[in-house]
C-alpha atoms as a PDB file:
ATOM      1  CA  MET A   1       2.079 118.195  84.713  1.00  0.00           C
ATOM      2  CA  GLY A   2       2.821 119.922  81.246  1.00  0.00           C
ATOM      3  CA  ILE A   3       2.231 118.506  78.013  1.00  0.00           C
ATOM      4  CA  GLN A   4       5.938 117.748  77.420  1.00  0.00           C
ATOM      5  CA  GLU A   5       6.205 115.839  80.583  1.00  0.00           C
ATOM      6  CA  GLU A   6       2.914 113.697  79.735  1.00  0.00           C
ATOM      7  CA  PHE A   7       4.158 113.098  76.333  1.00  0.00           C
ATOM      8  CA  GLU A   8       7.535 111.656  77.624  1.00  0.00           C
ATOM      9  CA  GLN A   9       5.820 109.496  79.876  1.00  0.00           C
ATOM     10  CA  VAL A  10       3.331 108.280  77.313  1.00  0.00           C
ATOM     11  CA  ALA A  11       6.120 107.628  74.872  1.00  0.00           C
ATOM     12  CA  ALA A  12       7.591 105.478  77.544  1.00  0.00           C
ATOM     13  CA  ILE A  13       4.535 103.575  78.119  1.00  0.00           C
ATOM     14  CA  VAL A  14       4.359 102.766  74.361  1.00  0.00           C
ATOM     15  CA  LYS A  15       7.232 100.428  74.481  1.00  0.00           C
ATOM     16  CA  GLN A  16       5.331  98.398  76.841  1.00  0.00           C
ATOM     17  CA  LEU A  17       2.043  98.375  75.078  1.00  0.00           C
ATOM     18  CA  PRO A  18       0.402  94.980  75.648  1.00  0.00           C
ATOM     19  CA  GLU A  19       0.086  92.840  72.823  1.00  0.00           C
ATOM     20  CA  SER A  20      -3.289  91.584  73.366  1.00  0.00           C
ATOM     21  CA  PRO A  21      -5.105  92.962  71.497  1.00  0.00           C
ATOM     22  CA  PRO A  22      -2.013  94.040  69.312  1.00  0.00           C
ATOM     23  CA  PRO A  23      -1.996  97.392  67.820  1.00  0.00           C
ATOM     24  CA  SER A  24      -3.112  97.382  64.293  1.00  0.00           C
ATOM     25  CA  ASP A  25      -0.351  98.307  61.674  1.00  0.00           C
ATOM     26  CA  ASP A  26      -2.558 101.676  61.082  1.00  0.00           C
ATOM     27  CA  ASP A  27      -2.198 102.435  64.878  1.00  0.00           C
ATOM     28  CA  LYS A  28       1.313 101.832  64.815  1.00  0.00           C
ATOM     29  CA  LEU A  29       1.820 104.144  61.685  1.00  0.00           C
ATOM     30  CA  MET A  30      -0.290 106.874  63.478  1.00  0.00           C
ATOM     31  CA  LEU A  31       1.752 106.776  66.473  1.00  0.00           C
ATOM     32  CA  TYR A  32       5.217 106.820  64.722  1.00  0.00           C
ATOM     33  CA  ALA A  33       3.865 109.885  62.459  1.00  0.00           C
ATOM     34  CA  LEU A  34       2.620 111.860  65.536  1.00  0.00           C
ATOM     35  CA  TYR A  35       5.891 111.099  67.433  1.00  0.00           C
ATOM     36  CA  LYS A  36       8.064 112.246  64.805  1.00  0.00           C
ATOM     37  CA  GLN A  37       5.915 115.199  64.138  1.00  0.00           C
ATOM     38  CA  ALA A  38       6.222 116.038  67.731  1.00  0.00           C
ATOM     39  CA  THR A  39       9.756 115.440  68.220  1.00  0.00           C
ATOM     40  CA  VAL A  40      11.068 116.420  64.811  1.00  0.00           C
ATOM     41  CA  GLY A  41       8.704 118.597  63.139  1.00  0.00           C
ATOM     42  CA  PRO A  42       7.621 118.176  59.424  1.00  0.00           C
ATOM     43  CA  VAL A  43       9.193 115.920  57.032  1.00  0.00           C
ATOM     44  CA  THR A  44      12.339 117.291  55.419  1.00  0.00           C
ATOM     45  CA  THR A  45      13.845 114.401  53.810  1.00  0.00           C
ATOM     46  CA  PRO A  46      12.822 113.183  50.174  1.00  0.00           C
ATOM     47  CA  ARG A  47      10.263 110.558  49.813  1.00  0.00           C
ATOM     48  CA  PRO A  48      11.835 107.097  49.656  1.00  0.00           C
ATOM     49  CA  ASN A  49      11.754 105.193  46.471  1.00  0.00           C
ATOM     50  CA  ARG A  50       9.164 102.530  45.927  1.00  0.00           C
ATOM     51  CA  PHE A  51      11.508  99.800  46.676  1.00  0.00           C
ATOM     52  CA  ASN A  52      11.670 100.845  50.260  1.00  0.00           C
ATOM     53  CA  THR A  53       8.087 100.188  51.212  1.00  0.00           C
ATOM     54  CA  ILE A  54       8.578 100.186  54.811  1.00  0.00           C
ATOM     55  CA  TYR A  55      10.377 103.562  54.707  1.00  0.00           C
ATOM     56  CA  ARG A  56       7.952 105.060  52.293  1.00  0.00           C
ATOM     57  CA  THR A  57       4.848 103.927  54.179  1.00  0.00           C
ATOM     58  CA  LYS A  58       6.235 105.437  57.375  1.00  0.00           C
ATOM     59  CA  TRP A  59       7.233 108.504  55.341  1.00  0.00           C
ATOM     60  CA  ASP A  60       3.775 108.763  54.025  1.00  0.00           C
ATOM     61  CA  ALA A  61       2.203 108.317  57.396  1.00  0.00           C
ATOM     62  CA  TRP A  62       4.422 111.284  58.655  1.00  0.00           C
ATOM     63  CA  LYS A  63       3.668 113.641  55.746  1.00  0.00           C
ATOM     64  CA  ALA A  64      -0.034 112.947  56.628  1.00  0.00           C
ATOM     65  CA  VAL A  65       0.193 114.843  59.697  1.00  0.00           C
ATOM     66  CA  GLU A  66       2.557 117.371  58.761  1.00  0.00           C
ATOM     67  CA  GLY A  67       0.391 120.478  59.097  1.00  0.00           C
ATOM     68  CA  LYS A  68      -0.016 119.668  63.024  1.00  0.00           C
ATOM     69  CA  SER A  69       1.735 121.927  65.389  1.00  0.00           C
ATOM     70  CA  LYS A  70       4.129 120.241  67.933  1.00  0.00           C
ATOM     71  CA  GLU A  71       1.571 120.513  70.845  1.00  0.00           C
ATOM     72  CA  GLU A  72      -1.327 118.969  68.564  1.00  0.00           C
ATOM     73  CA  ALA A  73       0.735 116.281  67.657  1.00  0.00           C
ATOM     74  CA  MET A  74       1.811 115.431  71.181  1.00  0.00           C
ATOM     75  CA  GLN A  75      -1.973 115.936  72.472  1.00  0.00           C
ATOM     76  CA  GLU A  76      -3.319 113.295  69.466  1.00  0.00           C
ATOM     77  CA  TYR A  77      -0.306 110.890  70.603  1.00  0.00           C
ATOM     78  CA  ILE A  78      -1.381 110.789  74.089  1.00  0.00           C
ATOM     79  CA  ALA A  79      -4.970 110.371  73.353  1.00  0.00           C
ATOM     80  CA  LYS A  80      -4.230 107.496  70.818  1.00  0.00           C
ATOM     81  CA  VAL A  81      -2.119 105.785  73.342  1.00  0.00           C
ATOM     82  CA  LYS A  82      -4.596 106.205  75.846  1.00  0.00           C
ATOM     83  CA  GLU A  83      -7.296 104.586  73.723  1.00  0.00           C
ATOM     84  CA  LEU A  84      -4.789 101.831  72.966  1.00  0.00           C
ATOM     85  CA  LEU A  85      -4.185 101.190  76.805  1.00  0.00           C
ATOM     86  CA  ALA A  86      -8.141 101.197  77.271  1.00  0.00           C
ATOM     87  CA  ALA A  87      -8.815  98.589  74.525  1.00  0.00           C
ATOM     88  CA  ALA A  88      -5.988  96.594  76.130  1.00  0.00           C
ATOM     89  CA  ASP A  89      -7.473  96.848  79.417  1.00  0.00           C
ATOM     90  CA  ALA A  90     -11.035  95.771  78.179  1.00  0.00           C
ATOM     91  CA  ALA A  91      -9.433  92.778  76.400  1.00  0.00           C
ATOM     92  CA  ALA A  92      -7.800  91.604  79.495  1.00  0.00           C
ATOM     93  CA  GLY A  93     -11.035  92.016  81.343  1.00  0.00           C
ATOM     94  CA  GLU A  94     -12.884  89.873  78.909  1.00  0.00           C
ATOM     95  CA  SER A  95     -10.005  87.103  79.156  1.00  0.00           C
ATOM     96  CA  LYS A  96     -10.490  87.244  82.802  1.00  0.00           C
ATOM     97  CA  GLU A  97     -14.316  86.810  82.638  1.00  0.00           C
ATOM     98  CA  GLU A  98     -13.815  84.020  80.165  1.00  0.00           C
ATOM     99  CA  ALA A  99     -11.416  82.136  82.489  1.00  0.00           C
ATOM    100  CA  MET A 100     -14.171  82.052  85.233  1.00  0.00           C
END
């Protein structure tokens, strides 16, 4: 399987990430930034004004990964999603042990 196919599969999985433990805002921003870099490329829009804090924060995160190639962004995105899934699996295992 090529990196593009794996990236697309992982991107579909992200929509179903378990909420326990919930991904941090920083994790969500990193996923957003890497996804945008992998699918769109470098930021081409002007930075949103300070009153649009959500869009500005997303823009800043995307800008922070601007130098990465499409492939690098895909690889880092895949690794980050796998890290989040492993954390969710570990948390689920701990929850099962506590219930016993």
